[in-house]
N, C-alpha and C. Protein backbone atom coordinates (compact mmCIF):
# COMPACT_ATOMS: atom_id res chain seq x y z
N UNK A 1 0.84 -1.17 0.00
CA UNK A 1 0.00 0.00 0.00
C UNK A 1 0.89 1.24 0.00
N UNK A 2 0.58 2.17 -0.86
CA UNK A 2 1.34 3.42 -0.94
C UNK A 2 0.79 4.45 0.05
N UNK A 3 1.70 5.21 0.63
CA UNK A 3 1.34 6.28 1.54
C UNK A 3 2.18 7.51 1.21
N UNK A 4 1.70 8.67 1.64
CA UNK A 4 2.48 9.90 1.51
C UNK A 4 3.45 9.99 2.68
N UNK A 5 4.67 10.39 2.38
CA UNK A 5 5.69 10.62 3.40
C UNK A 5 5.98 12.11 3.44
N UNK A 6 5.89 12.69 4.64
CA UNK A 6 6.12 14.12 4.78
C UNK A 6 7.47 14.40 5.45
N UNK A 7 8.15 15.41 4.96
CA UNK A 7 9.33 15.89 5.67
C UNK A 7 8.83 16.59 6.93
N UNK A 8 9.73 16.89 7.83
CA UNK A 8 9.31 17.57 9.07
C UNK A 8 8.66 18.91 8.77
N UNK A 9 9.20 19.65 7.79
CA UNK A 9 8.62 20.96 7.47
C UNK A 9 7.23 20.83 6.86
N UNK A 10 7.02 19.84 5.97
CA UNK A 10 5.69 19.62 5.39
C UNK A 10 4.71 19.12 6.46
N UNK A 11 5.21 18.26 7.34
CA UNK A 11 4.39 17.79 8.46
C UNK A 11 3.91 18.98 9.29
N UNK A 12 4.84 19.89 9.61
CA UNK A 12 4.49 21.06 10.42
C UNK A 12 3.40 21.91 9.77
N UNK A 13 3.38 21.96 8.46
CA UNK A 13 2.39 22.75 7.72
C UNK A 13 1.06 22.03 7.61
N UNK A 14 1.09 20.73 7.31
CA UNK A 14 -0.13 20.01 6.96
C UNK A 14 -0.79 19.23 8.11
N UNK A 15 -0.03 18.84 9.12
CA UNK A 15 -0.59 18.05 10.21
C UNK A 15 -1.68 18.83 10.93
N UNK A 16 -2.80 18.16 11.10
CA UNK A 16 -3.98 18.72 11.76
C UNK A 16 -4.65 19.83 10.95
N UNK A 17 -4.42 19.83 9.63
CA UNK A 17 -5.14 20.75 8.74
C UNK A 17 -6.62 20.43 8.90
N UNK A 18 -7.43 21.47 9.08
CA UNK A 18 -8.87 21.27 9.29
C UNK A 18 -9.68 21.96 8.20
N UNK A 19 -10.75 21.28 7.82
CA UNK A 19 -11.76 21.84 6.93
C UNK A 19 -13.09 21.33 7.46
N UNK A 20 -13.81 22.19 8.16
CA UNK A 20 -15.06 21.76 8.79
C UNK A 20 -14.76 20.71 9.85
N UNK A 21 -15.43 19.57 9.75
CA UNK A 21 -15.23 18.47 10.70
C UNK A 21 -14.11 17.52 10.28
N UNK A 22 -13.45 17.80 9.18
CA UNK A 22 -12.40 16.93 8.64
C UNK A 22 -11.02 17.45 9.04
N UNK A 23 -10.15 16.52 9.46
CA UNK A 23 -8.81 16.91 9.87
C UNK A 23 -7.80 15.85 9.41
N UNK A 24 -6.65 16.33 8.90
CA UNK A 24 -5.55 15.44 8.53
C UNK A 24 -4.71 15.14 9.76
N UNK A 25 -4.36 13.88 9.92
CA UNK A 25 -3.45 13.50 10.99
C UNK A 25 -2.43 12.52 10.46
N UNK A 26 -1.18 12.93 10.48
CA UNK A 26 -0.09 12.05 10.10
C UNK A 26 0.23 11.13 11.28
N UNK A 27 0.86 10.00 11.00
CA UNK A 27 1.34 9.13 12.06
C UNK A 27 2.69 8.57 11.64
N UNK A 28 3.40 7.98 12.60
CA UNK A 28 4.74 7.45 12.34
C UNK A 28 4.66 6.00 11.88
N UNK A 29 5.50 5.66 10.90
CA UNK A 29 5.59 4.27 10.47
C UNK A 29 6.77 3.60 11.19
N UNK A 30 7.06 2.37 10.84
CA UNK A 30 8.14 1.62 11.49
C UNK A 30 9.51 2.24 11.28
N UNK A 31 9.65 3.06 10.24
CA UNK A 31 10.93 3.75 9.97
C UNK A 31 10.97 5.16 10.53
N UNK A 32 9.99 5.50 11.36
CA UNK A 32 9.90 6.82 11.99
C UNK A 32 9.59 7.94 11.00
N UNK A 33 8.95 7.59 9.87
CA UNK A 33 8.52 8.59 8.89
C UNK A 33 7.14 9.09 9.25
N UNK A 34 6.87 10.36 8.98
CA UNK A 34 5.51 10.89 9.10
C UNK A 34 4.75 10.48 7.84
N UNK A 35 3.68 9.70 7.98
CA UNK A 35 2.96 9.20 6.82
C UNK A 35 1.47 9.49 6.91
N UNK A 36 0.83 9.38 5.75
CA UNK A 36 -0.60 9.65 5.59
C UNK A 36 -1.08 8.85 4.40
N UNK A 37 -2.25 8.26 4.47
CA UNK A 37 -2.79 7.50 3.35
C UNK A 37 -2.98 8.37 2.12
N UNK A 38 -2.63 7.85 0.96
CA UNK A 38 -2.73 8.61 -0.29
C UNK A 38 -4.17 8.94 -0.68
N UNK A 39 -5.12 8.18 -0.16
CA UNK A 39 -6.52 8.41 -0.52
C UNK A 39 -7.04 9.77 -0.08
N UNK A 40 -6.38 10.42 0.87
CA UNK A 40 -6.86 11.74 1.32
C UNK A 40 -6.77 12.78 0.21
N UNK A 41 -5.89 12.59 -0.76
CA UNK A 41 -5.75 13.54 -1.86
C UNK A 41 -7.01 13.60 -2.72
N UNK A 42 -7.81 12.54 -2.67
CA UNK A 42 -9.05 12.50 -3.45
C UNK A 42 -10.28 12.91 -2.63
N UNK A 43 -10.08 13.22 -1.37
CA UNK A 43 -11.19 13.62 -0.51
C UNK A 43 -11.54 15.08 -0.80
N UNK A 44 -12.79 15.38 -1.14
CA UNK A 44 -13.18 16.76 -1.43
C UNK A 44 -12.92 17.72 -0.27
N UNK A 45 -12.89 17.22 0.93
CA UNK A 45 -12.64 18.07 2.10
C UNK A 45 -11.23 18.66 2.06
N UNK A 46 -10.33 18.00 1.36
CA UNK A 46 -8.94 18.46 1.30
C UNK A 46 -8.54 18.97 -0.09
N UNK A 47 -9.54 19.32 -0.90
CA UNK A 47 -9.28 19.80 -2.26
C UNK A 47 -8.39 21.04 -2.26
N UNK A 48 -8.53 21.87 -1.25
CA UNK A 48 -7.75 23.12 -1.17
C UNK A 48 -6.24 22.85 -1.07
N UNK A 49 -5.86 21.71 -0.49
CA UNK A 49 -4.44 21.39 -0.32
C UNK A 49 -4.02 20.17 -1.15
N UNK A 50 -4.85 19.78 -2.10
CA UNK A 50 -4.57 18.60 -2.92
C UNK A 50 -3.21 18.68 -3.60
N UNK A 51 -2.87 19.83 -4.13
CA UNK A 51 -1.59 19.99 -4.82
C UNK A 51 -0.43 19.75 -3.86
N UNK A 52 -0.54 20.26 -2.64
CA UNK A 52 0.51 20.06 -1.63
C UNK A 52 0.62 18.58 -1.25
N UNK A 53 -0.52 17.93 -1.12
CA UNK A 53 -0.51 16.50 -0.78
C UNK A 53 0.14 15.68 -1.89
N UNK A 54 -0.24 15.95 -3.12
CA UNK A 54 0.32 15.19 -4.25
C UNK A 54 1.80 15.46 -4.47
N UNK A 55 2.32 16.54 -3.90
CA UNK A 55 3.75 16.85 -4.01
C UNK A 55 4.58 16.04 -3.01
N UNK A 56 3.92 15.42 -2.02
CA UNK A 56 4.65 14.61 -1.05
C UNK A 56 5.16 13.34 -1.71
N UNK A 57 6.26 12.82 -1.18
CA UNK A 57 6.83 11.57 -1.69
C UNK A 57 5.88 10.41 -1.37
N UNK A 58 5.73 9.49 -2.31
CA UNK A 58 4.94 8.28 -2.08
C UNK A 58 5.89 7.13 -1.80
N UNK A 59 5.61 6.41 -0.71
CA UNK A 59 6.43 5.26 -0.33
C UNK A 59 5.51 4.08 -0.01
N UNK A 60 6.10 2.89 0.06
CA UNK A 60 5.34 1.73 0.50
C UNK A 60 5.20 1.77 2.02
N UNK A 61 4.03 1.40 2.50
CA UNK A 61 3.76 1.41 3.93
C UNK A 61 4.64 0.39 4.64
N UNK A 62 5.28 0.82 5.70
CA UNK A 62 6.06 -0.06 6.58
C UNK A 62 5.45 0.11 7.96
N UNK A 63 4.45 -0.71 8.25
CA UNK A 63 3.65 -0.60 9.44
C UNK A 63 4.41 -0.97 10.70
N UNK A 64 4.10 -0.26 11.79
CA UNK A 64 4.61 -0.65 13.11
C UNK A 64 3.78 -1.84 13.58
N UNK A 65 4.45 -2.77 14.19
CA UNK A 65 3.77 -3.90 14.79
C UNK A 65 3.78 -3.68 16.30
N UNK A 66 2.59 -3.66 16.87
CA UNK A 66 2.47 -3.43 18.30
C UNK A 66 2.22 -4.77 18.98
N UNK A 67 3.08 -5.10 19.91
CA UNK A 67 2.95 -6.34 20.66
C UNK A 67 2.38 -6.01 22.01
N UNK A 68 1.30 -6.67 22.35
CA UNK A 68 0.67 -6.42 23.65
C UNK A 68 1.12 -7.42 24.68
């Protein structure tokens, strides 16, 4: 699965971007990257920042495994 990877500066700009009741939230992957699902670029709630989202690097998801 492909995800967007944000640099720290892009994360600082885009993390918790709000439009009405919709909010972007990045999270860390197993490699400590700030990531976000690529599907958000197609969400009409984020149309205003779609160009910024599509400019982010796309990488394969490397999920954290949580052991309880």
